[in-house]
Amino acid sequence: MRKHRRALADINPAQRFLLVMTVLGVVLVAGLEWMSPYVALPLFGLWELFSFFLTTLRFTDGSGWQRSSFAISFIGGFLMLLLPVAVVLFQAPLFPPGGCFQVESSVRYVCWGTPIGDYYTTINEMILVGGVAVFGGLTYMVHQRLRIASATLLLSASVVFPLVILETQLPLVYALVSALTAIGGVFVLAFRRGTGARPTQPFAGEIFKVLTRRLGISILLVVLLLGVVGGLWGYVNEVTGGVGFVCDTPSANAGFAQNETVGVTNPSFVPLHAVWKVTYNYTMGLVYKDTESFDIPARGTAYPRFAFASLELQKGVTVNSTYPLVFSYERTYSALLWLFVQNGSAIYTNGAFSSVDGIKPC
């Protein structure tokens, strides 16, 4: 017990403050029980990044101009980085909405709306610009000689961010967060001109005297790792919703259970392994099932063939197209470290298959 108390006593006030903020972040994230753990990871990373900022602002020396420049530029960049995370988390519309529907009792389905590639390209652009802005603010903190580089990064990000927002359906007021980054960049660039003298108090580089360089770098690496893990999970999760059809070739027809070869396309940059289970249940004893396992290469197409065999038929039961039909499916996708399952079903009481424009034979 004495060793633990002595170890805590050896921690300087800045490290103790950062430790308290970290524990508080763990408690806050753990309280969000509704949230996926892979969404909580980048949020905790952002919390750690903000805690690092507060520690720097509170425990490093510097003039009021220096501290204001750092605070304004970092908060602007942090908000720019937080905005795309909020868009994904709350499913804010970036582009016209889309959706999918099952093509009656066929294996295929039709989707419309913005392709996943376009959606996540925009999200990635917003995150990249926000990251550049945050890096620009941190660069000003590291060394006084990097002042020009810091201002260049901040001002460039503040110009590019509104251009990205203009391509979406997000309110233009969101682009105003880049104004803080621009003001911070101007303050950083105009420091000596605004004060007319060299700083009387150090600021740049001082954070490594209160936290140590190794601890500061470790925090930033943890933030980056958590953000990458959460970002990959979010991307792969959306990839499974971006799988579509390019062709369909029916063969034999056993009532509703239509044997067919379909072209399944993956527009993302992540290869997928898919397992599809399809069931036609006539609710009167006749059941047709098939399970197909196949790989869909990144930005490629797979051609699984479904052939439905009857499993059982109750004695004395005659099945025809007027009986209710329960069509159900289970689509399982494996990508990177994760597995995602889509389930659905529909009831049909009449007969003909519908045709969908744009679906060509394989």
Protein backbone atom coordinates (compact mmCIF):
# COMPACT_ATOMS: atom_id res chain seq x y z
CA MET A 1 0.00 0.00 0.00
CA ARG A 2 2.83 2.39 0.85
CA LYS A 3 4.46 1.70 -2.52
CA HIS A 4 1.24 2.60 -4.35
CA ARG A 5 0.87 5.80 -2.33
CA ARG A 6 4.49 6.71 -2.98
CA ALA A 7 4.03 6.04 -6.70
CA LEU A 8 0.97 8.31 -6.81
CA ALA A 9 2.87 10.99 -4.90
CA ASP A 10 5.63 10.91 -7.51
CA ILE A 11 3.17 11.77 -10.30
CA ASN A 12 3.31 15.45 -11.12
CA PRO A 13 0.07 17.53 -11.21
CA ALA A 14 -0.19 17.40 -15.01
CA GLN A 15 0.02 13.62 -15.13
CA ARG A 16 -2.43 13.34 -12.24
CA PHE A 17 -4.88 15.60 -14.07
CA LEU A 18 -4.56 13.53 -17.25
CA LEU A 19 -5.07 10.32 -15.28
CA VAL A 20 -8.28 11.68 -13.73
CA MET A 21 -9.57 12.76 -17.15
CA THR A 22 -8.81 9.30 -18.55
CA VAL A 23 -10.71 7.55 -15.76
CA LEU A 24 -13.61 9.96 -16.27
CA GLY A 25 -13.62 9.14 -19.99
CA VAL A 26 -13.76 5.41 -19.27
CA VAL A 27 -16.73 5.94 -16.95
CA LEU A 28 -18.58 8.10 -19.48
CA VAL A 29 -18.06 5.67 -22.36
CA ALA A 30 -18.97 2.68 -20.18
CA GLY A 31 -22.25 4.43 -19.33
CA LEU A 32 -23.27 4.51 -22.99
CA GLU A 33 -24.63 0.96 -22.98
CA TRP A 34 -26.59 1.46 -26.21
CA MET A 35 -23.43 2.17 -28.16
CA SER A 36 -21.44 -0.41 -30.08
CA PRO A 37 -18.00 -0.96 -28.52
CA TYR A 38 -16.37 -0.14 -31.85
CA VAL A 39 -18.15 3.21 -31.88
CA ALA A 40 -17.14 3.83 -28.27
CA LEU A 41 -13.46 3.30 -29.12
CA PRO A 42 -13.02 6.36 -31.37
CA LEU A 43 -15.14 8.43 -28.98
CA PHE A 44 -12.81 7.52 -26.14
CA GLY A 45 -9.87 8.35 -28.40
CA LEU A 46 -11.35 11.79 -29.04
CA TRP A 47 -11.85 12.22 -25.29
CA GLU A 48 -8.17 11.42 -24.70
CA LEU A 49 -7.17 13.90 -27.38
CA PHE A 50 -9.28 16.60 -25.73
CA SER A 51 -7.83 15.68 -22.32
CA PHE A 52 -4.33 16.08 -23.77
CA PHE A 53 -5.33 19.54 -25.02
CA LEU A 54 -6.71 20.59 -21.61
CA THR A 55 -3.56 19.33 -19.88
CA THR A 56 -1.37 21.30 -22.27
CA LEU A 57 -3.40 24.47 -21.88
CA ARG A 58 -3.48 24.28 -18.10
CA PHE A 59 0.06 23.23 -17.18
CA THR A 60 2.34 24.83 -19.78
CA ASP A 61 3.64 28.38 -19.55
CA GLY A 62 3.21 30.99 -22.23
CA SER A 63 1.77 34.40 -22.96
CA GLY A 64 -1.95 35.01 -23.29
CA TRP A 65 -1.54 35.38 -27.06
CA GLN A 66 0.22 32.01 -27.37
CA ARG A 67 -2.31 30.19 -25.23
CA SER A 68 -5.23 31.80 -27.06
CA SER A 69 -3.75 30.90 -30.45
CA PHE A 70 -3.32 27.28 -29.40
CA ALA A 71 -6.78 27.05 -27.80
CA ILE A 72 -8.67 28.56 -30.75
CA SER A 73 -6.82 26.57 -33.42
CA PHE A 74 -7.14 23.25 -31.55
CA ILE A 75 -10.83 23.66 -30.70
CA GLY A 76 -11.60 24.53 -34.33
CA GLY A 77 -9.74 21.48 -35.59
CA PHE A 78 -11.26 19.26 -32.91
CA LEU A 79 -14.79 20.29 -33.92
CA MET A 80 -13.93 19.63 -37.56
CA LEU A 81 -12.77 16.15 -36.56
CA LEU A 82 -15.83 15.56 -34.37
CA LEU A 83 -18.37 16.52 -37.04
CA PRO A 84 -17.94 13.49 -39.37
CA VAL A 85 -18.04 11.18 -36.34
CA ALA A 86 -21.37 12.75 -35.32
CA VAL A 87 -22.68 12.39 -38.90
CA VAL A 88 -22.01 8.63 -38.86
CA LEU A 89 -23.17 8.17 -35.26
CA PHE A 90 -26.51 9.97 -35.70
CA GLN A 91 -26.92 8.96 -39.38
CA ALA A 92 -27.27 12.54 -40.57
CA PRO A 93 -28.05 12.65 -44.31
CA LEU A 94 -25.05 13.59 -46.41
CA PHE A 95 -26.76 12.84 -49.72
CA PRO A 96 -30.28 11.93 -50.90
CA PRO A 97 -31.54 8.94 -48.88
CA GLY A 98 -31.58 5.42 -50.30
CA GLY A 99 -32.73 1.98 -49.31
CA CYS A 100 -33.32 -1.59 -50.47
CA PHE A 101 -36.30 -3.85 -51.15
CA GLN A 102 -36.59 -7.56 -51.78
CA VAL A 103 -37.68 -8.51 -55.30
CA GLU A 104 -40.77 -10.49 -54.33
CA SER A 105 -39.62 -14.02 -53.51
CA SER A 106 -36.44 -13.92 -55.59
CA VAL A 107 -32.95 -14.16 -54.11
CA ARG A 108 -32.07 -10.78 -55.52
CA TYR A 109 -32.96 -7.37 -54.14
CA VAL A 110 -32.64 -3.82 -55.40
CA CYS A 111 -30.98 -0.85 -53.68
CA TRP A 112 -30.93 2.81 -54.56
CA GLY A 113 -29.37 5.98 -53.17
CA THR A 114 -25.76 7.10 -52.73
CA PRO A 115 -23.19 4.31 -53.24
CA ILE A 116 -21.18 3.46 -50.16
CA GLY A 117 -17.96 4.47 -51.88
CA ASP A 118 -19.19 8.03 -52.40
CA TYR A 119 -20.56 8.26 -48.84
CA TYR A 120 -17.38 7.16 -47.13
CA THR A 121 -15.16 9.12 -49.49
CA THR A 122 -16.85 12.26 -48.18
CA ILE A 123 -16.62 11.09 -44.55
CA ASN A 124 -12.92 10.32 -45.02
CA GLU A 125 -12.32 13.73 -46.57
CA MET A 126 -13.91 15.43 -43.56
CA ILE A 127 -11.87 13.33 -41.11
CA LEU A 128 -8.66 13.96 -43.06
CA VAL A 129 -9.17 17.74 -43.10
CA GLY A 130 -10.07 17.74 -39.40
CA GLY A 131 -6.98 15.66 -38.65
CA VAL A 132 -4.80 18.13 -40.56
CA ALA A 133 -6.26 20.99 -38.51
CA VAL A 134 -5.66 19.19 -35.19
CA PHE A 135 -2.12 18.30 -36.28
CA GLY A 136 -1.55 21.95 -37.18
CA GLY A 137 -2.54 23.02 -33.67
CA LEU A 138 -0.32 20.39 -32.07
CA THR A 139 2.59 21.38 -34.32
CA TYR A 140 2.48 24.91 -32.87
CA MET A 141 2.76 23.37 -29.41
CA VAL A 142 5.83 21.24 -30.24
CA HIS A 143 8.37 23.90 -31.28
CA GLN A 144 8.39 27.64 -31.89
CA ARG A 145 10.22 27.19 -35.21
CA LEU A 146 7.24 25.24 -36.57
CA ARG A 147 4.99 28.31 -36.30
CA ILE A 148 4.85 28.88 -40.07
CA ALA A 149 4.13 25.20 -40.81
CA SER A 150 1.40 25.21 -38.15
CA ALA A 151 -0.28 28.28 -39.59
CA THR A 152 -0.10 26.85 -43.12
CA LEU A 153 -1.83 23.62 -42.04
CA LEU A 154 -4.51 25.49 -40.08
CA LEU A 155 -5.36 27.96 -42.84
CA SER A 156 -5.37 25.27 -45.55
CA ALA A 157 -7.74 23.09 -43.54
CA SER A 158 -10.07 26.01 -42.86
CA VAL A 159 -10.40 26.61 -46.61
CA VAL A 160 -10.87 22.99 -47.70
CA PHE A 161 -13.42 22.04 -45.02
CA PRO A 162 -16.25 24.34 -46.26
CA LEU A 163 -15.66 23.06 -49.82
CA VAL A 164 -16.29 19.49 -48.63
CA ILE A 165 -19.44 20.58 -46.74
CA LEU A 166 -20.81 22.31 -49.85
CA GLU A 167 -20.86 18.95 -51.68
CA THR A 168 -23.25 17.48 -49.10
CA GLN A 169 -26.73 18.14 -47.72
CA LEU A 170 -25.36 19.23 -44.35
CA PRO A 171 -26.41 22.74 -43.23
CA LEU A 172 -23.84 25.35 -44.20
CA VAL A 173 -23.67 26.46 -40.57
CA TYR A 174 -21.51 23.36 -39.95
CA ALA A 175 -18.83 24.91 -42.13
CA LEU A 176 -18.50 27.76 -39.64
CA VAL A 177 -16.42 25.59 -37.31
CA SER A 178 -13.56 26.09 -39.75
CA ALA A 179 -13.66 29.81 -38.90
CA LEU A 180 -12.12 29.03 -35.51
CA THR A 181 -9.32 27.14 -37.23
CA ALA A 182 -8.72 30.09 -39.56
CA ILE A 183 -8.63 32.56 -36.66
CA GLY A 184 -6.20 30.32 -34.80
CA GLY A 185 -4.00 30.11 -37.90
CA VAL A 186 -3.96 33.89 -38.26
CA PHE A 187 -3.09 34.29 -34.57
CA VAL A 188 -0.24 31.79 -34.87
CA LEU A 189 1.09 33.49 -38.00
CA ALA A 190 0.77 37.03 -36.62
CA PHE A 191 2.19 36.36 -33.14
CA ARG A 192 5.38 38.41 -33.30
CA ARG A 193 3.79 41.08 -35.44
CA GLY A 194 0.88 41.35 -33.00
CA THR A 195 3.05 41.54 -29.89
CA GLY A 196 6.02 43.34 -31.37
CA ALA A 197 8.43 41.23 -29.34
CA ARG A 198 9.61 37.74 -28.64
CA PRO A 199 7.61 35.82 -26.05
CA THR A 200 8.75 36.43 -22.48
CA GLN A 201 7.40 33.02 -21.41
CA PRO A 202 8.03 29.69 -23.12
CA PHE A 203 5.14 27.72 -24.59
CA ALA A 204 6.23 25.50 -27.45
CA GLY A 205 7.80 22.28 -26.24
CA GLU A 206 6.87 22.86 -22.60
CA ILE A 207 4.29 20.07 -22.58
CA PHE A 208 7.10 17.51 -22.82
CA LYS A 209 8.57 18.86 -19.59
CA VAL A 210 5.39 18.19 -17.63
CA LEU A 211 4.29 14.95 -19.32
CA THR A 212 7.55 13.63 -20.78
CA ARG A 213 7.95 13.12 -24.48
CA ARG A 214 7.31 9.37 -24.26
CA LEU A 215 3.96 9.85 -22.50
CA GLY A 216 2.81 12.55 -24.91
CA ILE A 217 3.65 10.45 -27.96
CA SER A 218 2.00 7.38 -26.37
CA ILE A 219 -1.24 9.30 -25.87
CA LEU A 220 -1.33 10.42 -29.48
CA LEU A 221 -0.59 6.88 -30.71
CA VAL A 222 -3.42 5.48 -28.56
CA VAL A 223 -5.79 8.11 -29.96
CA LEU A 224 -4.73 7.20 -33.50
CA LEU A 225 -5.06 3.44 -32.88
CA LEU A 226 -8.54 3.72 -31.35
CA GLY A 227 -9.68 5.96 -34.18
CA VAL A 228 -8.39 3.56 -36.83
CA VAL A 229 -10.03 0.51 -35.21
CA GLY A 230 -13.37 2.26 -34.82
CA GLY A 231 -13.16 3.73 -38.30
CA LEU A 232 -12.46 0.35 -39.90
CA TRP A 233 -15.39 -1.21 -38.06
CA GLY A 234 -17.71 1.56 -39.24
CA TYR A 235 -16.50 1.20 -42.82
CA VAL A 236 -16.87 -2.59 -42.87
CA ASN A 237 -20.31 -2.32 -41.27
CA GLU A 238 -21.44 -0.06 -44.11
CA VAL A 239 -19.70 -2.23 -46.71
CA THR A 240 -22.14 -5.06 -45.99
CA GLY A 241 -25.01 -2.71 -46.80
CA GLY A 242 -23.36 -1.73 -50.07
CA VAL A 243 -23.41 -5.22 -51.60
CA GLY A 244 -25.59 -5.20 -54.71
CA PHE A 245 -26.64 -7.12 -57.80
CA VAL A 246 -25.45 -6.73 -61.37
CA CYS A 247 -27.16 -9.68 -63.08
CA ASP A 248 -29.61 -12.54 -62.62
CA THR A 249 -30.07 -15.73 -64.66
CA PRO A 250 -33.06 -17.92 -63.67
CA SER A 251 -32.93 -21.60 -64.54
CA ALA A 252 -35.50 -24.16 -63.34
CA ASN A 253 -38.59 -23.07 -61.44
CA ALA A 254 -40.13 -25.05 -58.58
CA GLY A 255 -43.18 -22.87 -57.96
CA PHE A 256 -41.94 -19.81 -56.17
CA ALA A 257 -38.55 -21.36 -55.40
CA GLN A 258 -36.80 -20.10 -58.47
CA ASN A 259 -33.33 -21.52 -59.08
CA GLU A 260 -31.01 -18.79 -60.27
CA THR A 261 -27.46 -17.55 -60.69
CA VAL A 262 -26.90 -14.01 -59.47
CA GLY A 263 -24.03 -11.57 -59.82
CA VAL A 264 -23.20 -10.12 -56.40
CA THR A 265 -20.97 -7.05 -56.47
CA ASN A 266 -18.79 -5.52 -53.77
CA PRO A 267 -18.00 -1.84 -54.53
CA SER A 268 -15.72 -1.42 -51.50
CA PHE A 269 -11.98 -1.90 -51.04
CA VAL A 270 -12.47 -4.75 -48.53
CA PRO A 271 -12.91 -8.41 -49.65
CA LEU A 272 -15.95 -10.17 -48.20
CA HIS A 273 -16.79 -13.77 -47.42
CA ALA A 274 -20.54 -14.36 -47.67
CA VAL A 275 -22.82 -17.16 -46.53
CA TRP A 276 -26.43 -16.86 -47.73
CA LYS A 277 -29.25 -19.06 -46.41
CA VAL A 278 -32.52 -18.78 -48.32
CA THR A 279 -35.77 -20.55 -47.40
CA TYR A 280 -39.11 -20.82 -49.23
CA ASN A 281 -41.76 -22.08 -46.80
CA TYR A 282 -45.23 -22.64 -48.29
CA THR A 283 -46.65 -22.84 -44.74
CA MET A 284 -48.50 -26.04 -45.74
CA GLY A 285 -45.61 -28.47 -45.42
CA LEU A 286 -43.46 -27.82 -48.50
CA VAL A 287 -40.08 -26.23 -47.77
CA TYR A 288 -37.26 -25.36 -50.18
CA LYS A 289 -33.85 -24.36 -48.82
CA ASP A 290 -30.38 -23.59 -50.08
CA THR A 291 -27.16 -22.30 -48.50
CA GLU A 292 -24.34 -20.92 -50.59
CA SER A 293 -20.90 -19.81 -49.41
CA PHE A 294 -18.82 -17.58 -51.66
CA ASP A 295 -16.13 -14.89 -51.66
CA ILE A 296 -16.63 -11.42 -53.14
CA PRO A 297 -13.32 -9.73 -54.02
CA ALA A 298 -12.76 -6.06 -53.30
CA ARG A 299 -14.35 -4.00 -56.09
CA GLY A 300 -15.31 -7.27 -57.75
CA THR A 301 -18.22 -9.61 -58.44
CA ALA A 302 -19.09 -13.17 -57.41
CA TYR A 303 -21.62 -15.46 -59.17
CA PRO A 304 -23.24 -17.87 -56.69
CA ARG A 305 -25.83 -20.32 -58.03
CA PHE A 306 -28.87 -21.19 -55.91
CA ALA A 307 -30.61 -24.53 -56.48
CA PHE A 308 -33.55 -25.27 -54.18
CA ALA A 309 -34.44 -28.81 -53.23
CA SER A 310 -37.68 -29.78 -51.50
CA LEU A 311 -37.15 -30.87 -47.90
CA GLU A 312 -40.54 -32.22 -46.91
CA LEU A 313 -44.16 -32.45 -47.98
CA GLN A 314 -46.95 -33.44 -45.64
CA LYS A 315 -49.04 -36.35 -46.83
CA GLY A 316 -52.27 -35.39 -48.51
CA VAL A 317 -51.28 -31.72 -48.94
CA THR A 318 -51.43 -30.13 -52.37
CA VAL A 319 -49.35 -26.98 -52.73
CA ASN A 320 -50.11 -24.31 -55.29
CA SER A 321 -49.35 -20.64 -55.79
CA THR A 322 -52.43 -19.43 -53.92
CA TYR A 323 -51.10 -20.56 -50.55
CA PRO A 324 -49.19 -18.04 -48.41
CA LEU A 325 -45.44 -18.25 -48.93
CA VAL A 326 -42.89 -17.16 -46.33
CA PHE A 327 -39.65 -16.14 -47.99
CA SER A 328 -36.80 -15.70 -45.49
CA TYR A 329 -33.08 -15.12 -45.74
CA GLU A 330 -29.99 -14.86 -43.58
CA ARG A 331 -26.97 -13.16 -45.13
CA THR A 332 -23.71 -13.42 -43.19
CA TYR A 333 -20.67 -11.36 -44.20
CA SER A 334 -17.14 -11.73 -42.82
CA ALA A 335 -14.64 -8.93 -43.37
CA LEU A 336 -11.35 -8.15 -41.60
CA LEU A 337 -11.93 -8.98 -37.90
CA TRP A 338 -15.73 -8.80 -37.87
CA LEU A 339 -18.86 -10.68 -38.85
CA PHE A 340 -22.21 -9.10 -39.74
CA VAL A 341 -25.59 -10.81 -40.16
CA GLN A 342 -28.64 -9.55 -42.07
CA ASN A 343 -32.00 -11.26 -41.50
CA GLY A 344 -35.34 -10.69 -43.17
CA SER A 345 -38.57 -12.30 -44.33
CA ALA A 346 -41.69 -11.54 -46.34
CA ILE A 347 -45.10 -13.16 -46.91
CA TYR A 348 -46.53 -13.61 -50.42
CA THR A 349 -50.01 -14.79 -51.30
CA ASN A 350 -49.99 -14.54 -55.09
CA GLY A 351 -47.93 -15.59 -57.84
CA ALA A 352 -45.87 -14.01 -60.55
CA PHE A 353 -42.31 -12.89 -60.16
CA SER A 354 -41.75 -9.22 -60.77
CA SER A 355 -39.10 -8.01 -63.19
CA VAL A 356 -36.75 -5.19 -62.26
CA ASP A 357 -35.35 -2.79 -64.84
CA GLY A 358 -31.58 -2.79 -65.12
CA ILE A 359 -31.08 -6.42 -64.02
CA LYS A 360 -29.47 -8.23 -66.97
CA PRO A 361 -28.71 -11.95 -67.41
CA CYS A 362 -25.35 -13.15 -66.05
